[in-house]
Amino acid sequence: MLADTGMILPNFTELRIYPSFTEIRQQYNVPEKFKMYFSRDVFANIVQGSLSIEGIPIESKQVVHKANNLENQTIFVQRHSSEEPQECRVIQADDLLLQNIKTKRYFRAQRHELEYVTIPEQEGTEVTYVLKQQGKATLSYQIHGESHQ
């Protein structure tokens, strides 16, 4: 669900469960620049305005939505094990509309047919806090309960 890009793991996680939401509190030993990455599904369920850091003053907070980085990337499509993979360019990542590099023709592929040249980035949100100092801090946020979905 929640992954941090700097591989800083929480010292502990506390869950507070209420009828309409759950509060998640995670304590970290944080550097002055602290980055967290939330998958698209997790970030969509965070109650707007509830994401905060406690324990160390915040100098700035930046929220960057990361889109899938496949568009305009080169990939290979392996349709049949007896054939050579086709080198393609991704035109539309959401429905996998591709263009064959050699023939210039367009087609759609299935995810299991793709071979990647680079590791595809997950869609999600990166939150970066610049803190006044390093030390112990608590990341806190609320997620919607089942009735929201």
Protein backbone atom coordinates (compact mmCIF):
# COMPACT_ATOMS: atom_id res chain seq x y z
CA MET A 1 0.00 0.00 0.00
CA LEU A 2 2.46 2.65 1.16
CA ALA A 3 6.03 2.65 -0.03
CA ASP A 4 8.73 5.15 0.76
CA THR A 5 11.26 5.92 -1.94
CA GLY A 6 14.19 6.43 0.43
CA MET A 7 13.73 3.03 2.10
CA ILE A 8 13.16 4.67 5.47
CA LEU A 9 11.01 2.26 7.43
CA PRO A 10 8.73 3.33 10.28
CA ASN A 11 9.75 2.63 13.88
CA PHE A 12 6.13 1.77 14.56
CA THR A 13 2.68 2.12 13.01
CA GLU A 14 -0.44 2.92 15.00
CA LEU A 15 -3.95 2.51 13.58
CA ARG A 16 -6.92 4.33 15.09
CA ILE A 17 -10.14 2.93 13.67
CA TYR A 18 -13.31 5.03 13.72
CA PRO A 19 -16.73 4.36 12.13
CA SER A 20 -16.15 6.55 9.04
CA PHE A 21 -12.33 6.66 8.72
CA THR A 22 -9.06 5.18 9.93
CA GLU A 23 -6.15 7.27 11.14
CA ILE A 24 -2.68 5.95 10.36
CA ARG A 25 0.24 7.21 12.43
CA GLN A 26 3.79 6.12 11.59
CA GLN A 27 6.86 7.23 13.49
CA TYR A 28 10.11 7.64 11.55
CA ASN A 29 13.68 8.76 12.11
CA VAL A 30 13.56 11.26 9.25
CA PRO A 31 16.23 13.16 7.34
CA GLU A 32 15.69 16.86 6.63
CA LYS A 33 14.28 15.94 3.20
CA PHE A 34 11.70 13.19 3.69
CA LYS A 35 9.97 11.57 0.68
CA MET A 36 7.00 9.22 0.77
CA TYR A 37 5.35 7.49 -2.17
CA PHE A 38 1.68 6.49 -2.21
CA SER A 39 0.16 4.31 -4.92
CA ARG A 40 -2.71 5.88 -6.86
CA ASP A 41 -5.32 3.76 -5.04
CA VAL A 42 -4.00 4.56 -1.56
CA PHE A 43 -3.65 8.30 -2.21
CA ALA A 44 -7.20 8.46 -3.60
CA ASN A 45 -8.49 7.18 -0.24
CA ILE A 46 -6.57 9.65 1.93
CA VAL A 47 -8.88 12.27 3.43
CA GLN A 48 -7.96 15.58 1.78
CA GLY A 49 -5.94 17.80 4.12
CA SER A 50 -5.21 15.04 6.65
CA LEU A 51 -1.64 14.22 5.57
CA SER A 52 0.77 15.81 8.04
CA ILE A 53 4.08 15.53 9.88
CA GLU A 54 4.19 15.98 13.65
CA GLY A 55 7.22 16.48 15.89
CA ILE A 56 9.47 18.55 13.61
CA PRO A 57 8.59 21.91 12.03
CA ILE A 58 7.97 21.76 8.27
CA GLU A 59 9.71 24.24 5.97
CA SER A 60 7.91 23.06 2.83
CA LYS A 61 5.72 20.31 1.43
CA GLN A 62 5.56 19.31 -2.24
CA VAL A 63 3.00 16.90 -3.70
CA VAL A 64 3.79 15.51 -7.16
CA HIS A 65 1.42 13.19 -9.01
CA LYS A 66 3.40 10.66 -11.01
CA ALA A 67 1.85 9.37 -14.21
CA ASN A 68 2.77 6.11 -15.81
CA ASN A 69 5.98 6.80 -17.70
CA LEU A 70 5.37 4.43 -20.61
CA GLU A 71 4.11 6.96 -23.17
CA ASN A 72 6.70 7.52 -25.92
CA GLN A 73 8.88 4.77 -24.44
CA THR A 74 10.29 1.86 -26.41
CA ILE A 75 9.04 -1.57 -25.40
CA PHE A 76 9.00 -5.01 -27.00
CA VAL A 77 5.92 -7.12 -27.63
CA GLN A 78 6.22 -10.91 -27.57
CA ARG A 79 2.99 -12.26 -29.07
CA HIS A 80 4.13 -15.82 -29.76
CA SER A 81 7.11 -17.64 -28.28
CA SER A 82 8.17 -18.76 -31.77
CA GLU A 83 8.43 -15.17 -33.07
CA GLU A 84 10.96 -12.45 -32.42
CA PRO A 85 9.68 -9.64 -30.16
CA GLN A 86 8.42 -6.56 -32.01
CA GLU A 87 10.06 -3.25 -31.12
CA CYS A 88 7.32 -0.70 -30.46
CA ARG A 89 6.69 2.81 -29.18
CA VAL A 90 3.92 3.35 -26.62
CA ILE A 91 1.39 5.85 -27.96
CA GLN A 92 -1.27 5.60 -25.21
CA ALA A 93 -0.32 3.84 -21.97
CA ASP A 94 -3.85 3.50 -20.58
CA ASP A 95 -5.10 1.18 -23.34
CA LEU A 96 -1.66 0.06 -24.61
CA LEU A 97 -1.95 1.56 -28.07
CA LEU A 98 1.44 0.87 -29.65
CA GLN A 99 3.23 1.68 -32.88
CA ASN A 100 5.47 -0.93 -34.46
CA ILE A 101 8.83 0.79 -35.11
CA LYS A 102 9.51 -1.09 -38.38
CA THR A 103 6.06 -1.10 -40.00
CA LYS A 104 4.78 2.18 -38.45
CA ARG A 105 1.41 0.42 -37.93
CA TYR A 106 -0.61 0.84 -34.74
CA PHE A 107 -2.06 -1.95 -32.61
CA ARG A 108 -3.06 -2.77 -29.04
CA ALA A 109 -1.31 -5.33 -26.86
CA GLN A 110 -1.99 -7.15 -23.60
CA ARG A 111 0.14 -6.40 -20.51
CA HIS A 112 1.47 -9.96 -20.33
CA GLU A 113 2.92 -9.57 -23.86
CA LEU A 114 5.15 -6.61 -22.95
CA GLU A 115 8.88 -6.62 -22.34
CA TYR A 116 10.31 -3.42 -20.89
CA VAL A 117 13.60 -1.68 -21.63
CA THR A 118 13.34 0.31 -18.37
CA ILE A 119 11.39 -0.39 -15.21
CA PRO A 120 7.95 1.21 -15.59
CA GLU A 121 7.05 3.77 -12.96
CA GLN A 122 3.88 3.14 -10.99
CA GLU A 123 1.17 5.74 -11.05
CA GLY A 124 0.93 7.44 -7.71
CA THR A 125 1.83 10.45 -5.63
CA GLU A 126 5.17 11.44 -4.17
CA VAL A 127 5.05 13.70 -1.13
CA THR A 128 8.28 15.48 -0.15
CA TYR A 129 8.68 17.29 3.15
CA VAL A 130 11.60 19.62 3.80
CA LEU A 131 11.96 19.73 7.58
CA LYS A 132 13.83 22.18 9.82
CA GLN A 133 15.96 19.31 11.16
CA GLN A 134 16.31 15.56 11.11
CA GLY A 135 14.98 13.44 13.96
CA LYS A 136 11.88 11.59 15.15
CA ALA A 137 8.66 12.60 13.44
CA THR A 138 5.22 11.09 13.01
CA LEU A 139 3.54 10.87 9.61
CA SER A 140 -0.21 11.01 10.12
CA TYR A 141 -3.11 10.68 7.70
CA GLN A 142 -6.69 9.48 7.56
CA ILE A 143 -8.22 7.12 5.03
CA HIS A 144 -11.89 6.92 4.17
CA GLY A 145 -13.97 4.09 5.60
CA GLU A 146 -15.83 1.52 3.51
CA SER A 147 -18.94 3.71 3.25
CA HIS A 148 -16.94 6.25 1.15
CA GLN A 149 -16.24 3.77 -1.63
